[in-house]
PDB file of N, CA and C in Angstrom:
ATOM      1  N   UNK A   1      -7.909 -21.369  28.907  1.00  0.00           N
ATOM      2  CA  UNK A   1      -7.922 -21.257  27.472  1.00  0.00           C
ATOM      3  C   UNK A   1      -6.533 -21.358  26.883  1.00  0.00           C
ATOM      4  N   UNK A   2      -6.490 -21.476  25.609  1.00  0.00           N
ATOM      5  CA  UNK A   2      -5.216 -21.567  24.904  1.00  0.00           C
ATOM      6  C   UNK A   2      -4.600 -20.189  24.715  1.00  0.00           C
ATOM      7  N   UNK A   3      -3.294 -20.171  24.577  1.00  0.00           N
ATOM      8  CA  UNK A   3      -2.575 -18.935  24.295  1.00  0.00           C
ATOM      9  C   UNK A   3      -2.865 -18.506  22.860  1.00  0.00           C
ATOM     10  N   UNK A   4      -3.037 -17.220  22.662  1.00  0.00           N
ATOM     11  CA  UNK A   4      -3.309 -16.665  21.336  1.00  0.00           C
ATOM     12  C   UNK A   4      -2.230 -15.646  21.010  1.00  0.00           C
ATOM     13  N   UNK A   5      -1.667 -15.736  19.812  1.00  0.00           N
ATOM     14  CA  UNK A   5      -0.668 -14.778  19.341  1.00  0.00           C
ATOM     15  C   UNK A   5      -1.222 -14.108  18.092  1.00  0.00           C
ATOM     16  N   UNK A   6      -1.129 -12.781  18.052  1.00  0.00           N
ATOM     17  CA  UNK A   6      -1.664 -12.013  16.924  1.00  0.00           C
ATOM     18  C   UNK A   6      -0.729 -10.853  16.615  1.00  0.00           C
ATOM     19  N   UNK A   7      -1.014 -10.147  15.534  1.00  0.00           N
ATOM     20  CA  UNK A   7      -0.230  -8.963  15.208  1.00  0.00           C
ATOM     21  C   UNK A   7      -0.624  -7.824  16.143  1.00  0.00           C
ATOM     22  N   UNK A   8       0.257  -6.857  16.250  1.00  0.00           N
ATOM     23  CA  UNK A   8      -0.007  -5.686  17.086  1.00  0.00           C
ATOM     24  C   UNK A   8      -1.250  -4.946  16.594  1.00  0.00           C
ATOM     25  N   UNK A   9      -1.429  -4.880  15.286  1.00  0.00           N
ATOM     26  CA  UNK A   9      -2.599  -4.216  14.696  1.00  0.00           C
ATOM     27  C   UNK A   9      -3.890  -4.875  15.167  1.00  0.00           C
ATOM     28  N   UNK A  10      -3.931  -6.199  15.163  1.00  0.00           N
ATOM     29  CA  UNK A  10      -5.119  -6.911  15.627  1.00  0.00           C
ATOM     30  C   UNK A  10      -5.304  -6.765  17.131  1.00  0.00           C
ATOM     31  N   UNK A  11      -4.211  -6.709  17.872  1.00  0.00           N
ATOM     32  CA  UNK A  11      -4.297  -6.579  19.327  1.00  0.00           C
ATOM     33  C   UNK A  11      -5.009  -5.291  19.730  1.00  0.00           C
ATOM     34  N   UNK A  12      -4.786  -4.233  18.988  1.00  0.00           N
ATOM     35  CA  UNK A  12      -5.460  -2.962  19.279  1.00  0.00           C
ATOM     36  C   UNK A  12      -6.972  -3.133  19.154  1.00  0.00           C
ATOM     37  N   UNK A  13      -7.401  -3.884  18.156  1.00  0.00           N
ATOM     38  CA  UNK A  13      -8.832  -4.116  17.936  1.00  0.00           C
ATOM     39  C   UNK A  13      -9.444  -5.004  19.015  1.00  0.00           C
ATOM     40  N   UNK A  14      -8.630  -5.849  19.643  1.00  0.00           N
ATOM     41  CA  UNK A  14      -9.121  -6.809  20.642  1.00  0.00           C
ATOM     42  C   UNK A  14      -8.934  -6.324  22.077  1.00  0.00           C
ATOM     43  N   UNK A  15      -8.419  -5.138  22.242  1.00  0.00           N
ATOM     44  CA  UNK A  15      -8.053  -4.637  23.570  1.00  0.00           C
ATOM     45  C   UNK A  15      -9.191  -4.733  24.583  1.00  0.00           C
ATOM     46  N   UNK A  16     -10.405  -4.420  24.181  1.00  0.00           N
ATOM     47  CA  UNK A  16     -11.540  -4.363  25.117  1.00  0.00           C
ATOM     48  C   UNK A  16     -11.908  -5.731  25.695  1.00  0.00           C
ATOM     49  N   UNK A  17     -11.611  -6.807  24.980  1.00  0.00           N
ATOM     50  CA  UNK A  17     -12.020  -8.131  25.452  1.00  0.00           C
ATOM     51  C   UNK A  17     -10.858  -9.130  25.526  1.00  0.00           C
ATOM     52  N   UNK A  18      -9.629  -8.630  25.440  1.00  0.00           N
ATOM     53  CA  UNK A  18      -8.452  -9.509  25.464  1.00  0.00           C
ATOM     54  C   UNK A  18      -8.301 -10.199  26.815  1.00  0.00           C
ATOM     55  N   UNK A  19      -7.718 -11.369  26.770  1.00  0.00           N
ATOM     56  CA  UNK A  19      -7.466 -12.136  27.985  1.00  0.00           C
ATOM     57  C   UNK A  19      -5.969 -12.148  28.288  1.00  0.00           C
ATOM     58  N   UNK A  20      -5.618 -12.554  29.503  1.00  0.00           N
ATOM     59  CA  UNK A  20      -4.224 -12.492  29.943  1.00  0.00           C
ATOM     60  C   UNK A  20      -3.280 -13.363  29.127  1.00  0.00           C
ATOM     61  N   UNK A  21      -3.785 -14.405  28.507  1.00  0.00           N
ATOM     62  CA  UNK A  21      -2.917 -15.296  27.735  1.00  0.00           C
ATOM     63  C   UNK A  21      -2.940 -14.971  26.236  1.00  0.00           C
ATOM     64  N   UNK A  22      -3.333 -13.764  25.888  1.00  0.00           N
ATOM     65  CA  UNK A  22      -3.295 -13.289  24.509  1.00  0.00           C
ATOM     66  C   UNK A  22      -2.068 -12.404  24.356  1.00  0.00           C
ATOM     67  N   UNK A  23      -1.281 -12.643  23.334  1.00  0.00           N
ATOM     68  CA  UNK A  23      -0.043 -11.919  23.109  1.00  0.00           C
ATOM     69  C   UNK A  23      -0.026 -11.359  21.693  1.00  0.00           C
ATOM     70  N   UNK A  24       0.776 -10.318  21.509  1.00  0.00           N
ATOM     71  CA  UNK A  24       0.923  -9.766  20.164  1.00  0.00           C
ATOM     72  C   UNK A  24       2.395  -9.635  19.804  1.00  0.00           C
ATOM     73  N   UNK A  25       2.642  -9.616  18.505  1.00  0.00           N
ATOM     74  CA  UNK A  25       3.978  -9.415  17.967  1.00  0.00           C
ATOM     75  C   UNK A  25       3.966  -8.179  17.078  1.00  0.00           C
ATOM     76  N   UNK A  26       4.891  -7.252  17.289  1.00  0.00           N
ATOM     77  CA  UNK A  26       4.983  -6.121  16.365  1.00  0.00           C
ATOM     78  C   UNK A  26       5.497  -6.614  15.010  1.00  0.00           C
ATOM     79  N   UNK A  27       4.964  -6.064  13.949  1.00  0.00           N
ATOM     80  CA  UNK A  27       5.359  -6.456  12.598  1.00  0.00           C
ATOM     81  C   UNK A  27       5.869  -5.220  11.876  1.00  0.00           C
ATOM     82  N   UNK A  28       6.992  -5.358  11.209  1.00  0.00           N
ATOM     83  CA  UNK A  28       7.592  -4.248  10.472  1.00  0.00           C
ATOM     84  C   UNK A  28       7.885  -4.720   9.053  1.00  0.00           C
ATOM     85  N   UNK A  29       7.100  -4.245   8.102  1.00  0.00           N
ATOM     86  CA  UNK A  29       7.293  -4.648   6.703  1.00  0.00           C
ATOM     87  C   UNK A  29       8.357  -3.772   6.053  1.00  0.00           C
ATOM     88  N   UNK A  30       9.211  -4.396   5.276  1.00  0.00           N
ATOM     89  CA  UNK A  30      10.249  -3.668   4.557  1.00  0.00           C
ATOM     90  C   UNK A  30      10.299  -4.171   3.122  1.00  0.00           C
ATOM     91  N   UNK A  31      10.298  -3.235   2.194  1.00  0.00           N
ATOM     92  CA  UNK A  31      10.413  -3.583   0.781  1.00  0.00           C
ATOM     93  C   UNK A  31      11.888  -3.601   0.399  1.00  0.00           C
ATOM     94  N   UNK A  32      12.245  -4.463  -0.536  1.00  0.00           N
ATOM     95  CA  UNK A  32      13.643  -4.540  -0.955  1.00  0.00           C
ATOM     96  C   UNK A  32      13.752  -4.422  -2.468  1.00  0.00           C
ATOM     97  N   UNK A  33      14.965  -4.268  -2.922  1.00  0.00           N
ATOM     98  CA  UNK A  33      15.222  -4.204  -4.359  1.00  0.00           C
ATOM     99  C   UNK A  33      14.505  -3.041  -5.016  1.00  0.00           C
ATOM    100  N   UNK A  34      13.862  -3.318  -6.148  1.00  0.00           N
ATOM    101  CA  UNK A  34      13.166  -2.259  -6.881  1.00  0.00           C
ATOM    102  C   UNK A  34      11.699  -2.128  -6.470  1.00  0.00           C
ATOM    103  N   UNK A  35      11.278  -2.877  -5.457  1.00  0.00           N
ATOM    104  CA  UNK A  35       9.876  -2.826  -5.024  1.00  0.00           C
ATOM    105  C   UNK A  35       9.438  -1.437  -4.549  1.00  0.00           C
ATOM    106  N   UNK A  36      10.251  -0.679  -3.784  1.00  0.00           N
ATOM    107  CA  UNK A  36       9.804   0.660  -3.382  1.00  0.00           C
ATOM    108  C   UNK A  36       9.504   1.561  -4.580  1.00  0.00           C
ATOM    109  N   UNK A  37      10.346   1.515  -5.600  1.00  0.00           N
ATOM    110  CA  UNK A  37      10.127   2.334  -6.793  1.00  0.00           C
ATOM    111  C   UNK A  37       8.869   1.900  -7.535  1.00  0.00           C
ATOM    112  N   UNK A  38       8.646   0.587  -7.639  1.00  0.00           N
ATOM    113  CA  UNK A  38       7.433   0.079  -8.297  1.00  0.00           C
ATOM    114  C   UNK A  38       6.181   0.529  -7.551  1.00  0.00           C
ATOM    115  N   UNK A  39       6.225   0.434  -6.238  1.00  0.00           N
ATOM    116  CA  UNK A  39       5.079   0.838  -5.432  1.00  0.00           C
ATOM    117  C   UNK A  39       4.799   2.327  -5.598  1.00  0.00           C
ATOM    118  N   UNK A  40       5.841   3.143  -5.564  1.00  0.00           N
ATOM    119  CA  UNK A  40       5.663   4.581  -5.735  1.00  0.00           C
ATOM    120  C   UNK A  40       5.064   4.899  -7.100  1.00  0.00           C
ATOM    121  N   UNK A  41       5.509   4.212  -8.135  1.00  0.00           N
ATOM    122  CA  UNK A  41       4.958   4.408  -9.479  1.00  0.00           C
ATOM    123  C   UNK A  41       3.471   4.066  -9.507  1.00  0.00           C
ATOM    124  N   UNK A  42       3.105   2.956  -8.902  1.00  0.00           N
ATOM    125  CA  UNK A  42       1.697   2.550  -8.873  1.00  0.00           C
ATOM    126  C   UNK A  42       0.848   3.538  -8.080  1.00  0.00           C
ATOM    127  N   UNK A  43       1.346   3.986  -6.937  1.00  0.00           N
ATOM    128  CA  UNK A  43       0.590   4.943  -6.123  1.00  0.00           C
ATOM    129  C   UNK A  43       0.432   6.276  -6.835  1.00  0.00           C
ATOM    130  N   UNK A  44       1.480   6.721  -7.506  1.00  0.00           N
ATOM    131  CA  UNK A  44       1.412   7.969  -8.264  1.00  0.00           C
ATOM    132  C   UNK A  44       0.380   7.855  -9.376  1.00  0.00           C
ATOM    133  N   UNK A  45       0.358   6.719 -10.049  1.00  0.00           N
ATOM    134  CA  UNK A  45      -0.609   6.484 -11.117  1.00  0.00           C
ATOM    135  C   UNK A  45      -2.036   6.488 -10.574  1.00  0.00           C
ATOM    136  N   UNK A  46      -2.249   5.832  -9.458  1.00  0.00           N
ATOM    137  CA  UNK A  46      -3.585   5.813  -8.848  1.00  0.00           C
ATOM    138  C   UNK A  46      -4.022   7.209  -8.417  1.00  0.00           C
ATOM    139  N   UNK A  47      -3.095   7.969  -7.852  1.00  0.00           N
ATOM    140  CA  UNK A  47      -3.422   9.315  -7.377  1.00  0.00           C
ATOM    141  C   UNK A  47      -3.795  10.245  -8.529  1.00  0.00           C
ATOM    142  N   UNK A  48      -3.210  10.003  -9.702  1.00  0.00           N
ATOM    143  CA  UNK A  48      -3.511  10.859 -10.849  1.00  0.00           C
ATOM    144  C   UNK A  48      -4.718  10.368 -11.636  1.00  0.00           C
ATOM    145  N   UNK A  49      -5.316   9.252 -11.200  1.00  0.00           N
ATOM    146  CA  UNK A  49      -6.525   8.749 -11.843  1.00  0.00           C
ATOM    147  C   UNK A  49      -6.274   7.869 -13.047  1.00  0.00           C
ATOM    148  N   UNK A  50      -5.077   7.400 -13.246  1.00  0.00           N
ATOM    149  CA  UNK A  50      -4.762   6.530 -14.396  1.00  0.00           C
ATOM    150  C   UNK A  50      -4.907   5.077 -14.051  1.00  0.00           C
TER     151      UNK A  50
END
């Protein structure tokens, strides 16, 4: 079969039936600039029901 590359998150879901030529890559998301503050504002608003 062909080699398969997936995210680490997907690899956990495929563990039971994964084959030897299936590989995963760890992914680390990072926000930059004012994005963390915007996200926190949106999450706070959602948590308060607005």
